[in-house]
Every structure is written in C-alpha cells, then in structure tokens.
C-alpha atoms as a PDB file:
ATOM      1  CA  MET A   1     -12.778  26.658  13.895  1.00  0.00           C
ATOM      2  CA  LEU A   2     -14.126  28.201  10.767  1.00  0.00           C
ATOM      3  CA  ALA A   3     -11.572  27.293   8.614  1.00  0.00           C
ATOM      4  CA  GLY A   4     -12.507  25.215   5.326  1.00  0.00           C
ATOM      5  CA  ASP A   5     -15.405  24.008   4.025  1.00  0.00           C
ATOM      6  CA  TRP A   6     -17.781  24.469   7.002  1.00  0.00           C
ATOM      7  CA  LYS A   7     -20.871  24.479   5.343  1.00  0.00           C
ATOM      8  CA  ALA A   8     -20.299  21.815   3.342  1.00  0.00           C
ATOM      9  CA  PRO A   9     -22.995  18.954   3.454  1.00  0.00           C
ATOM     10  CA  ARG A  10     -22.377  15.755   5.288  1.00  0.00           C
ATOM     11  CA  GLY A  11     -21.601  13.978   2.300  1.00  0.00           C
ATOM     12  CA  GLY A  12     -19.786  16.395   0.842  1.00  0.00           C
ATOM     13  CA  ARG A  13     -20.373  18.700  -2.192  1.00  0.00           C
ATOM     14  CA  SER A  14     -21.168  17.402  -5.576  1.00  0.00           C
ATOM     15  CA  THR A  15     -18.322  16.980  -8.001  1.00  0.00           C
ATOM     16  CA  PRO A  16     -18.801  16.648 -12.027  1.00  0.00           C
ATOM     17  CA  LEU A  17     -18.508  13.439 -13.674  1.00  0.00           C
ATOM     18  CA  ALA A  18     -18.938  12.632 -17.502  1.00  0.00           C
ATOM     19  CA  ALA A  19     -21.470  10.137 -17.935  1.00  0.00           C
ATOM     20  CA  GLU A  20     -19.731   7.701 -19.879  1.00  0.00           C
ATOM     21  CA  ASN A  21     -20.730   4.171 -21.424  1.00  0.00           C
ATOM     22  CA  GLY A  22     -19.786   1.952 -18.195  1.00  0.00           C
ATOM     23  CA  VAL A  23     -19.764   4.450 -15.482  1.00  0.00           C
ATOM     24  CA  VAL A  24     -21.616   2.770 -12.424  1.00  0.00           C
ATOM     25  CA  VAL A  25     -23.825   4.867 -10.347  1.00  0.00           C
ATOM     26  CA  GLU A  26     -26.521   4.992  -8.186  1.00  0.00           C
ATOM     27  CA  ASP A  27     -29.536   7.380  -8.223  1.00  0.00           C
ATOM     28  CA  VAL A  28     -29.806   8.908  -4.744  1.00  0.00           C
ATOM     29  CA  GLU A  29     -33.592   9.137  -4.926  1.00  0.00           C
ATOM     30  CA  THR A  30     -34.375   5.747  -5.382  1.00  0.00           C
ATOM     31  CA  GLY A  31     -31.612   3.532  -5.130  1.00  0.00           C
ATOM     32  CA  TRP A  32     -31.351   2.434  -8.587  1.00  0.00           C
ATOM     33  CA  VAL A  33     -27.545   1.231  -9.446  1.00  0.00           C
ATOM     34  CA  GLY A  34     -26.832   0.906 -13.106  1.00  0.00           C
ATOM     35  CA  ALA A  35     -24.205   1.143 -15.955  1.00  0.00           C
ATOM     36  CA  VAL A  36     -24.495   4.223 -18.115  1.00  0.00           C
ATOM     37  CA  VAL A  37     -25.081   3.167 -21.494  1.00  0.00           C
ATOM     38  CA  ARG A  38     -26.115   6.259 -23.227  1.00  0.00           C
ATOM     39  CA  VAL A  39     -27.055  10.101 -22.974  1.00  0.00           C
ATOM     40  CA  GLU A  40     -29.409  11.558 -25.136  1.00  0.00           C
ATOM     41  CA  LYS A  41     -32.057  14.339 -25.627  1.00  0.00           C
ATOM     42  CA  ALA A  42     -35.567  14.272 -24.296  1.00  0.00           C
ATOM     43  CA  GLY A  43     -38.101  16.359 -24.022  1.00  0.00           C
ATOM     44  CA  GLY A  44     -36.207  19.433 -23.693  1.00  0.00           C
ATOM     45  CA  ILE A  45     -33.849  17.853 -21.580  1.00  0.00           C
ATOM     46  CA  HIS A  46     -31.011  15.602 -21.339  1.00  0.00           C
ATOM     47  CA  VAL A  47     -31.369  11.981 -19.839  1.00  0.00           C
ATOM     48  CA  VAL A  48     -28.894   9.037 -19.134  1.00  0.00           C
ATOM     49  CA  HIS A  49     -30.021   5.634 -19.016  1.00  0.00           C
ATOM     50  CA  LEU A  50     -28.859   3.084 -16.469  1.00  0.00           C
ATOM     51  CA  GLU A  51     -28.674  -0.797 -16.949  1.00  0.00           C
ATOM     52  CA  ASP A  52     -28.463  -2.809 -14.205  1.00  0.00           C
ATOM     53  CA  ARG A  53     -27.034  -6.199 -13.192  1.00  0.00           C
ATOM     54  CA  ARG A  54     -30.310  -8.018 -14.756  1.00  0.00           C
ATOM     55  CA  GLY A  55     -30.361  -5.851 -17.926  1.00  0.00           C
ATOM     56  CA  ARG A  56     -33.170  -3.267 -17.080  1.00  0.00           C
ATOM     57  CA  THR A  57     -32.895   0.039 -18.011  1.00  0.00           C
ATOM     58  CA  LYS A  58     -34.261   2.815 -16.819  1.00  0.00           C
ATOM     59  CA  ALA A  59     -33.638   6.968 -17.368  1.00  0.00           C
ATOM     60  CA  PHE A  60     -32.984   9.778 -15.157  1.00  0.00           C
ATOM     61  CA  PRO A  61     -32.305  13.400 -15.994  1.00  0.00           C
ATOM     62  CA  LEU A  62     -29.078  14.375 -16.691  1.00  0.00           C
ATOM     63  CA  GLY A  63     -27.285  16.284 -13.732  1.00  0.00           C
ATOM     64  CA  PRO A  64     -27.465  15.953  -9.888  1.00  0.00           C
ATOM     65  CA  GLY A  65     -28.537  13.551  -7.536  1.00  0.00           C
ATOM     66  CA  PHE A  66     -25.745  10.435  -8.125  1.00  0.00           C
ATOM     67  CA  HIS A  67     -23.496   8.971  -5.910  1.00  0.00           C
ATOM     68  CA  VAL A  68     -20.383   6.982  -7.003  1.00  0.00           C
ATOM     69  CA  ASP A  69     -18.493   5.249  -4.200  1.00  0.00           C
ATOM     70  CA  GLY A  70     -20.472   6.755  -1.476  1.00  0.00           C
ATOM     71  CA  ARG A  71     -19.380   9.970  -2.742  1.00  0.00           C
ATOM     72  CA  PRO A  72     -22.305  12.759  -4.447  1.00  0.00           C
ATOM     73  CA  VAL A  73     -21.694  13.744  -8.306  1.00  0.00           C
ATOM     74  CA  THR A  74     -23.301  15.398 -10.926  1.00  0.00           C
ATOM     75  CA  LEU A  75     -23.231  13.538 -14.363  1.00  0.00           C
ATOM     76  CA  THR A  76     -22.512  15.665 -17.328  1.00  0.00           C
ATOM     77  CA  LYS A  77     -22.605  15.091 -20.795  1.00  0.00           C
ATOM     78  CA  PRO A  78     -19.255  12.972 -21.221  1.00  0.00           C
ATOM     79  CA  GLU A  79     -17.436  15.641 -23.888  1.00  0.00           C
ATOM     80  CA  ALA A  80     -18.077  18.629 -21.507  1.00  0.00           C
ATOM     81  CA  ALA A  81     -15.917  17.176 -18.593  1.00  0.00           C
ATOM     82  CA  ASN A  82     -12.832  15.625 -19.423  1.00  0.00           C
ATOM     83  CA  SER A  83     -11.041  18.175 -17.339  1.00  0.00           C
ATOM     84  CA  ALA A  84     -13.292  17.321 -14.148  1.00  0.00           C
ATOM     85  CA  ARG A  85     -12.861  13.138 -14.853  1.00  0.00           C
ATOM     86  CA  LEU A  86      -8.848  14.195 -14.816  1.00  0.00           C
ATOM     87  CA  ALA A  87      -9.110  15.903 -11.762  1.00  0.00           C
ATOM     88  CA  GLU A  88     -11.145  13.343 -10.055  1.00  0.00           C
ATOM     89  CA  ALA A  89      -8.741  10.881 -11.345  1.00  0.00           C
ATOM     90  CA  ARG A  90      -6.542  12.241  -9.700  1.00  0.00           C
ATOM     91  CA  GLN A  91      -8.161  13.131  -5.909  1.00  0.00           C
ATOM     92  CA  ALA A  92      -8.931   9.251  -5.940  1.00  0.00           C
ATOM     93  CA  ALA A  93      -5.324   8.174  -6.816  1.00  0.00           C
ATOM     94  CA  SER A  94      -4.129   9.981  -3.657  1.00  0.00           C
ATOM     95  CA  ARG A  95      -6.490   8.172  -1.049  1.00  0.00           C
ATOM     96  CA  THR A  96      -6.563   4.238  -0.998  1.00  0.00           C
ATOM     97  CA  ALA A  97      -9.336   1.926  -1.076  1.00  0.00           C
ATOM     98  CA  SER A  98      -9.602   2.546   2.847  1.00  0.00           C
ATOM     99  CA  GLY A  99      -9.856   6.069   2.614  1.00  0.00           C
ATOM    100  CA  SER A 100      -6.399   7.468   4.301  1.00  0.00           C
ATOM    101  CA  ARG A 101      -4.161   8.696   2.178  1.00  0.00           C
ATOM    102  CA  THR A 102      -1.658   7.002  -0.119  1.00  0.00           C
ATOM    103  CA  VAL A 103       1.782   7.217   1.529  1.00  0.00           C
ATOM    104  CA  GLN A 104       3.905   7.666  -1.653  1.00  0.00           C
ATOM    105  CA  GLY A 105       7.725   6.487  -2.237  1.00  0.00           C
ATOM    106  CA  VAL A 106       7.885   4.534   0.692  1.00  0.00           C
ATOM    107  CA  LYS A 107       8.295   0.466   0.621  1.00  0.00           C
ATOM    108  CA  ALA A 108       6.120  -2.355   2.587  1.00  0.00           C
ATOM    109  CA  LYS A 109       7.980  -2.802   5.725  1.00  0.00           C
ATOM    110  CA  VAL A 110       8.971  -5.822   6.539  1.00  0.00           C
ATOM    111  CA  ALA A 111       6.219  -8.229   8.527  1.00  0.00           C
ATOM    112  CA  SER A 112       6.177  -7.064  11.830  1.00  0.00           C
ATOM    113  CA  ALA A 113       5.798  -9.743  14.716  1.00  0.00           C
ATOM    114  CA  SER A 114       2.068  -8.684  14.973  1.00  0.00           C
ATOM    115  CA  ARG A 115      -0.666 -10.493  13.415  1.00  0.00           C
ATOM    116  CA  ILE A 116      -4.469  -9.824  12.600  1.00  0.00           C
ATOM    117  CA  PHE A 117      -6.071 -13.453  12.435  1.00  0.00           C
ATOM    118  CA  VAL A 118      -9.750 -13.837  10.053  1.00  0.00           C
ATOM    119  CA  GLU A 119     -12.164 -16.774   9.518  1.00  0.00           C
ATOM    120  CA  GLY A 120     -10.861 -17.296   6.278  1.00  0.00           C
ATOM    121  CA  THR A 121      -9.736 -17.186   2.788  1.00  0.00           C
ATOM    122  CA  HIS A 122     -12.316 -14.563   1.323  1.00  0.00           C
ATOM    123  CA  ASP A 123     -12.307 -12.531   5.103  1.00  0.00           C
ATOM    124  CA  ALA A 124      -8.465 -12.169   4.091  1.00  0.00           C
ATOM    125  CA  GLU A 125      -9.184 -11.177   0.307  1.00  0.00           C
ATOM    126  CA  LEU A 126     -11.499  -8.831   1.553  1.00  0.00           C
ATOM    127  CA  VAL A 127      -9.130  -7.010   3.877  1.00  0.00           C
ATOM    128  CA  GLU A 128      -6.527  -6.943   1.415  1.00  0.00           C
ATOM    129  CA  LYS A 129      -8.002  -5.446  -0.977  1.00  0.00           C
ATOM    130  CA  VAL A 130      -9.694  -2.614   0.978  1.00  0.00           C
ATOM    131  CA  TRP A 131      -6.840  -1.764   3.393  1.00  0.00           C
ATOM    132  CA  GLY A 132      -3.954  -3.915   1.574  1.00  0.00           C
ATOM    133  CA  HIS A 133      -1.821  -0.397   1.214  1.00  0.00           C
ATOM    134  CA  ASP A 134      -2.272   0.363   4.987  1.00  0.00           C
ATOM    135  CA  LEU A 135      -1.360  -2.945   6.199  1.00  0.00           C
ATOM    136  CA  ARG A 136       1.926  -2.910   4.003  1.00  0.00           C
ATOM    137  CA  VAL A 137       3.130   0.171   5.083  1.00  0.00           C
ATOM    138  CA  GLU A 138       2.632  -0.995   8.921  1.00  0.00           C
ATOM    139  CA  GLY A 139       4.355  -4.432   8.131  1.00  0.00           C
ATOM    140  CA  VAL A 140       1.256  -6.391   8.683  1.00  0.00           C
ATOM    141  CA  VAL A 141       0.183  -9.544   7.648  1.00  0.00           C
ATOM    142  CA  VAL A 142      -3.332 -11.005   7.512  1.00  0.00           C
ATOM    143  CA  GLU A 143      -3.642 -14.662   8.103  1.00  0.00           C
ATOM    144  CA  PRO A 144      -6.657 -17.138   7.698  1.00  0.00           C
ATOM    145  CA  LEU A 145      -7.778 -19.501  10.136  1.00  0.00           C
ATOM    146  CA  ASP A 146     -10.014 -21.512   8.908  1.00  0.00           C
ATOM    147  CA  GLY A 147     -12.812 -21.200  11.556  1.00  0.00           C
ATOM    148  CA  VAL A 148     -12.816 -20.077  15.268  1.00  0.00           C
ATOM    149  CA  ASP A 149     -14.000 -23.753  16.627  1.00  0.00           C
ATOM    150  CA  ASP A 150     -10.152 -23.985  18.280  1.00  0.00           C
ATOM    151  CA  LEU A 151      -9.670 -20.592  18.997  1.00  0.00           C
ATOM    152  CA  GLU A 152      -7.668 -21.049  21.848  1.00  0.00           C
ATOM    153  CA  ALA A 153      -5.461 -23.054  20.214  1.00  0.00           C
ATOM    154  CA  ALA A 154      -4.612 -20.933  17.517  1.00  0.00           C
ATOM    155  CA  ILE A 155      -3.695 -18.235  20.220  1.00  0.00           C
ATOM    156  CA  ARG A 156      -1.060 -20.610  21.713  1.00  0.00           C
ATOM    157  CA  ASP A 157       0.416 -21.393  18.669  1.00  0.00           C
ATOM    158  CA  PHE A 158       0.842 -18.190  18.083  1.00  0.00           C
ATOM    159  CA  ALA A 159       1.897 -17.394  21.958  1.00  0.00           C
ATOM    160  CA  PRO A 160       0.905 -13.446  21.432  1.00  0.00           C
ATOM    161  CA  GLY A 161       3.060 -11.122  24.207  1.00  0.00           C
ATOM    162  CA  SER A 162       5.085  -8.088  24.661  1.00  0.00           C
ATOM    163  CA  GLY A 163       5.576  -6.639  20.642  1.00  0.00           C
ATOM    164  CA  ARG A 164       3.759  -9.583  19.531  1.00  0.00           C
ATOM    165  CA  ARG A 165      -0.094  -8.839  18.847  1.00  0.00           C
ATOM    166  CA  MET A 166      -2.827 -10.858  17.806  1.00  0.00           C
ATOM    167  CA  GLY A 167      -6.000  -9.208  16.486  1.00  0.00           C
ATOM    168  CA  VAL A 168      -9.017 -11.804  15.397  1.00  0.00           C
ATOM    169  CA  LEU A 169     -12.039 -11.024  13.363  1.00  0.00           C
ATOM    170  CA  VAL A 170     -14.632 -13.466  14.066  1.00  0.00           C
ATOM    171  CA  ASP A 171     -18.155 -14.076  12.105  1.00  0.00           C
ATOM    172  CA  HIS A 172     -21.423 -13.641  12.836  1.00  0.00           C
ATOM    173  CA  LEU A 173     -20.731 -12.588  16.711  1.00  0.00           C
ATOM    174  CA  VAL A 174     -23.897 -11.970  18.196  1.00  0.00           C
ATOM    175  CA  PRO A 175     -25.271 -13.151  21.400  1.00  0.00           C
ATOM    176  CA  GLY A 176     -26.054 -16.626  21.885  1.00  0.00           C
ATOM    177  CA  THR A 177     -24.061 -18.328  19.149  1.00  0.00           C
ATOM    178  CA  LYS A 178     -21.132 -20.848  19.505  1.00  0.00           C
ATOM    179  CA  GLU A 179     -18.736 -17.980  18.261  1.00  0.00           C
ATOM    180  CA  THR A 180     -19.670 -15.346  21.075  1.00  0.00           C
ATOM    181  CA  ARG A 181     -19.139 -18.440  23.740  1.00  0.00           C
ATOM    182  CA  VAL A 182     -15.671 -19.365  21.921  1.00  0.00           C
ATOM    183  CA  VAL A 183     -14.918 -15.605  22.056  1.00  0.00           C
ATOM    184  CA  GLU A 184     -15.804 -15.224  25.453  1.00  0.00           C
ATOM    185  CA  ALA A 185     -13.127 -18.484  26.634  1.00  0.00           C
ATOM    186  CA  ALA A 186     -10.352 -17.240  24.334  1.00  0.00           C
ATOM    187  CA  SER A 187     -10.430 -13.823  25.676  1.00  0.00           C
ATOM    188  CA  ARG A 188      -9.737 -14.910  28.709  1.00  0.00           C
ATOM    189  CA  LEU A 189      -7.082 -17.150  27.875  1.00  0.00           C
ATOM    190  CA  GLN A 190      -3.687 -16.613  30.013  1.00  0.00           C
ATOM    191  CA  PRO A 191      -1.374 -15.349  29.696  1.00  0.00           C
ATOM    192  CA  TYR A 192      -1.754 -14.112  26.315  1.00  0.00           C
ATOM    193  CA  ALA A 193      -5.088 -12.306  27.063  1.00  0.00           C
ATOM    194  CA  PRO A 194      -3.171  -8.724  27.165  1.00  0.00           C
ATOM    195  CA  HIS A 195      -1.630  -9.053  23.986  1.00  0.00           C
ATOM    196  CA  VAL A 196      -5.264 -10.411  22.219  1.00  0.00           C
ATOM    197  CA  LEU A 197      -7.941  -8.327  20.559  1.00  0.00           C
ATOM    198  CA  ILE A 198     -10.731 -10.313  19.581  1.00  0.00           C
ATOM    199  CA  VAL A 199     -13.849  -8.756  17.715  1.00  0.00           C
ATOM    200  CA  GLY A 200     -16.544  -9.627  15.449  1.00  0.00           C
ATOM    201  CA  HIS A 201     -19.462  -8.635  12.774  1.00  0.00           C
ATOM    202  CA  PRO A 202     -22.955  -9.694  12.904  1.00  0.00           C
ATOM    203  CA  TYR A 203     -23.195 -10.787   9.778  1.00  0.00           C
ATOM    204  CA  VAL A 204     -23.381 -14.925   8.675  1.00  0.00           C
ATOM    205  CA  ASP A 205     -20.378 -14.291   6.773  1.00  0.00           C
ATOM    206  CA  VAL A 206     -18.245 -11.893   5.068  1.00  0.00           C
ATOM    207  CA  TRP A 207     -20.147 -12.112   1.628  1.00  0.00           C
ATOM    208  CA  GLN A 208     -23.133 -10.009   3.586  1.00  0.00           C
ATOM    209  CA  SER A 209     -20.762  -7.022   4.899  1.00  0.00           C
ATOM    210  CA  VAL A 210     -20.927  -5.901   1.286  1.00  0.00           C
ATOM    211  CA  ARG A 211     -23.338  -3.147   0.614  1.00  0.00           C
ATOM    212  CA  PRO A 212     -26.323  -5.631  -1.046  1.00  0.00           C
ATOM    213  CA  GLN A 213     -26.794  -2.526  -3.465  1.00  0.00           C
ATOM    214  CA  ARG A 214     -23.612  -3.323  -5.184  1.00  0.00           C
ATOM    215  CA  LEU A 215     -25.631  -6.558  -6.454  1.00  0.00           C
ATOM    216  CA  GLY A 216     -28.030  -4.596  -7.244  1.00  0.00           C
ATOM    217  CA  MET A 217     -30.166  -5.650  -3.906  1.00  0.00           C
ATOM    218  CA  ASP A 218     -32.033  -3.720  -1.381  1.00  0.00           C
ATOM    219  CA  ALA A 219     -31.412  -5.864   1.139  1.00  0.00           C
ATOM    220  CA  TRP A 220     -29.531  -9.765   1.763  1.00  0.00           C
ATOM    221  CA  PRO A 221     -31.905 -12.438   1.576  1.00  0.00           C
ATOM    222  CA  VAL A 222     -32.884 -14.248   4.750  1.00  0.00           C
ATOM    223  CA  ILE A 223     -31.411 -17.803   3.629  1.00  0.00           C
ATOM    224  CA  PRO A 224     -33.646 -20.686   5.639  1.00  0.00           C
ATOM    225  CA  HIS A 225     -32.032 -22.891   8.372  1.00  0.00           C
ATOM    226  CA  GLY A 226     -31.170 -26.353   7.205  1.00  0.00           C
ATOM    227  CA  THR A 227     -29.658 -24.592   3.570  1.00  0.00           C
ATOM    228  CA  SER A 228     -26.146 -23.857   2.947  1.00  0.00           C
ATOM    229  CA  TRP A 229     -25.834 -20.052   3.438  1.00  0.00           C
ATOM    230  CA  LYS A 230     -23.794 -19.354   0.604  1.00  0.00           C
ATOM    231  CA  HIS A 231     -25.548 -21.639  -1.936  1.00  0.00           C
ATOM    232  CA  GLY A 232     -28.646 -20.226  -0.621  1.00  0.00           C
ATOM    233  CA  ILE A 233     -27.447 -16.841  -1.864  1.00  0.00           C
ATOM    234  CA  CYS A 234     -25.658 -17.815  -5.081  1.00  0.00           C
ATOM    235  CA  ALA A 235     -29.737 -19.742  -5.934  1.00  0.00           C
ATOM    236  CA  HIS A 236     -31.429 -16.281  -5.048  1.00  0.00           C
ATOM    237  CA  LEU A 237     -29.117 -14.503  -7.590  1.00  0.00           C
ATOM    238  CA  GLY A 238     -29.573 -16.939 -10.129  1.00  0.00           C
ATOM    239  CA  TRP A 239     -25.880 -18.047  -9.994  1.00  0.00           C
ATOM    240  CA  PRO A 240     -24.279 -21.561 -10.218  1.00  0.00           C
ATOM    241  CA  HIS A 241     -23.853 -23.050  -6.596  1.00  0.00           C
ATOM    242  CA  ASP A 242     -23.331 -27.444  -7.364  1.00  0.00           C
ATOM    243  CA  THR A 243     -19.708 -27.081  -6.731  1.00  0.00           C
ATOM    244  CA  GLN A 244     -17.188 -25.345  -4.408  1.00  0.00           C
ATOM    245  CA  ALA A 245     -15.725 -23.936  -7.862  1.00  0.00           C
ATOM    246  CA  ASP A 246     -19.160 -22.230  -8.339  1.00  0.00           C
ATOM    247  CA  ILE A 247     -19.296 -20.842  -4.778  1.00  0.00           C
ATOM    248  CA  ALA A 248     -15.211 -19.530  -5.708  1.00  0.00           C
ATOM    249  CA  ARG A 249     -16.693 -17.899  -8.621  1.00  0.00           C
ATOM    250  CA  ALA A 250     -19.660 -16.027  -6.870  1.00  0.00           C
ATOM    251  CA  TRP A 251     -17.104 -14.917  -4.494  1.00  0.00           C
ATOM    252  CA  LYS A 252     -15.076 -13.469  -6.944  1.00  0.00           C
ATOM    253  CA  GLN A 253     -18.398 -11.729  -8.549  1.00  0.00           C
ATOM    254  CA  ILE A 254     -19.340 -10.072  -5.159  1.00  0.00           C
ATOM    255  CA  LEU A 255     -15.260  -8.990  -4.535  1.00  0.00           C
ATOM    256  CA  GLY A 256     -15.207  -8.091  -7.762  1.00  0.00           C
ATOM    257  CA  THR A 257     -17.824  -5.147  -6.712  1.00  0.00           C
ATOM    258  CA  VAL A 258     -15.936  -3.709  -3.846  1.00  0.00           C
ATOM    259  CA  ARG A 259     -13.861  -0.588  -5.084  1.00  0.00           C
ATOM    260  CA  SER A 260     -13.798   0.854  -1.468  1.00  0.00           C
ATOM    261  CA  TYR A 261     -14.659   1.120   1.961  1.00  0.00           C
ATOM    262  CA  ALA A 262     -17.972   2.899   0.654  1.00  0.00           C
ATOM    263  CA  ASP A 263     -19.284  -0.258  -0.579  1.00  0.00           C
ATOM    264  CA  LEU A 264     -18.927  -2.375   3.197  1.00  0.00           C
ATOM    265  CA  GLU A 265     -21.077  -1.873   6.162  1.00  0.00           C
ATOM    266  CA  PRO A 266     -19.991   0.248   8.493  1.00  0.00           C
ATOM    267  CA  SER A 267     -20.052  -2.498  11.164  1.00  0.00           C
ATOM    268  CA  LEU A 268     -16.940  -4.790   9.274  1.00  0.00           C
ATOM    269  CA  LEU A 269     -14.858  -1.593   8.548  1.00  0.00           C
ATOM    270  CA  GLY A 270     -15.300  -0.317  12.255  1.00  0.00           C
ATOM    271  CA  ARG A 271     -13.805  -3.600  13.701  1.00  0.00           C
ATOM    272  CA  VAL A 272     -11.019  -4.300  10.985  1.00  0.00           C
ATOM    273  CA  GLU A 273     -10.166  -0.059  11.905  1.00  0.00           C
ATOM    274  CA  GLU A 274      -9.702  -1.737  15.727  1.00  0.00           C
ATOM    275  CA  LEU A 275      -7.748  -4.421  15.121  1.00  0.00           C
ATOM    276  CA  ILE A 276      -5.681  -2.638  12.674  1.00  0.00           C
ATOM    277  CA  ASP A 277      -4.928   0.467  15.525  1.00  0.00           C
ATOM    278  CA  PHE A 278      -4.422  -2.506  18.206  1.00  0.00           C
ATOM    279  CA  VAL A 279      -1.517  -4.285  15.945  1.00  0.00           C
ATOM    280  CA  THR A 280       0.406  -1.500  15.449  1.00  0.00           C
ATOM    281  CA  ALA A 281       0.038   0.443  18.702  1.00  0.00           C
ATOM    282  CA  PRO A 282       3.485   1.288  20.092  1.00  0.00           C
END
C-alpha cells in the first residue's frame, strides 16, 4: 500500500513549465487567469506578466503557485525549461482529453448498437471534444435529440433492448422542472426501461458546465427570467448576440477554452462517465 509516490499532494506534484508567451495559466491564490506576455527581473526577483481576456495585465513572482488544466506547475524562465517542456508534452500526449490513457494503434470500432443521446448540437460537440477518443475506441456514437420534450417518442423510435442500450444526458435536471417530469415518465416506459439510463446535470445549458474561470469569470451570471439565457450570457460578456450566427460563434469561443476534463464541472463529468459505462457494459 506504500508503493509509489504516496506522499504526493492531492492535486499532484508541481511540474516545471516554461513561461513562454501565450502560455495560459491560473494563479492559485487570486484565481487570475491570463496568458504570459513577458518575463522580467524586477526588485531582484523574476516576475511573469499575465494578460487576461479583457487585456488587463498583472505581474506575479515567477515560480510555483500556478495551475494549467487543473494541474500545479512551477513557472520557469523560458530558456531554462526546454527539456521539462518536452517531458510534459510527452506525458500529455499519453492522455486523452478525458484523462484516460491513450490507446495507441487501435482503429475506431464500427459503431455499436448502443447510443448516447444529448439534447443538442452543443452538447454533442462538447462530449466529442473531451471524450471523443474514448468513444471511438468503444464504438459509441453520440446523437443530438433537439430537446427532450418528446423523450418518450425518441425512446420508442430507438427501440432499446438487449445489446442495444440507450443513454440520455439531460440539461437542467433539477427538482420541480419540466425536465424532471419528462424524465420520470420516460424512465418508466415499458418494455424499454431496463435498457435505458437517463441522467442529467443541473445547468441551464451545457455552456454553464464549462468552468467560468476559463472565460475570466468567478461565476456564471444569473440571467433574469424572460431573457434568453444564451443571449443574456453573450450580453454579459460583451459579445454580439443579435443572430443565431452570433450565438454559434459565442459557443465556438467557449468550446475553444475547453482543453480537457479539468475545464468542466464535476457534475457533468460524472454523468457522462456514467453513461459511457452504461452503454459499454457487456
């Protein structure tokens, strides 16, 4: 039981990372997220200047106390960390965005009979970005439902059964919502119920499952009733939101900040992993 690095901190040991221009890090103490713009010596110590998405710049002492993708790092002068950067790159390449070990030399399987269904295109794109490698290895396809208002009809159309399981991820599945009532009824639908697993996350939209710090916010804003949630978010961020094309571009910007599972909220991570386990079980 004492084998391995059992004294390592819960978040893992800090690894060196060159403070090169463009590297995005988070200061653990303040939560400041920004890209490295320069490293200089000031007052006898080396400092790194981080620029956030609004163009504001703040200086921090070069060294430990930073996170990248949820992992602790020690920022070093760029010219001193070439070998450390290479080692880090090799380690990252051995892991998928979901945190699982990359399976080398294995082609994607032919799609299995089982499927995972999500509410919309944005949900499907997020799942693909983080779990795509895992799903291709298992031969699992993710399909959008375009909402869950008629979830029972979707289940009948798919006709799940032995060897043909159906997993469904639902947005805003919290007590008292219409989604909860829809899911409760659909979960009892016979003869399909034993072969269907419906789970959900508490967020109004899958956008909200992305950690707000990735967008330079402490928390997602509360949008007043009567205002479209996505339009309200775009307005808060100062992004165009008059057309559907504007909303699509906004999602691409948000999705672009997601590099791995560490950029998503645990409430979504657990539900997707649960669905993958369900549809891939023997």
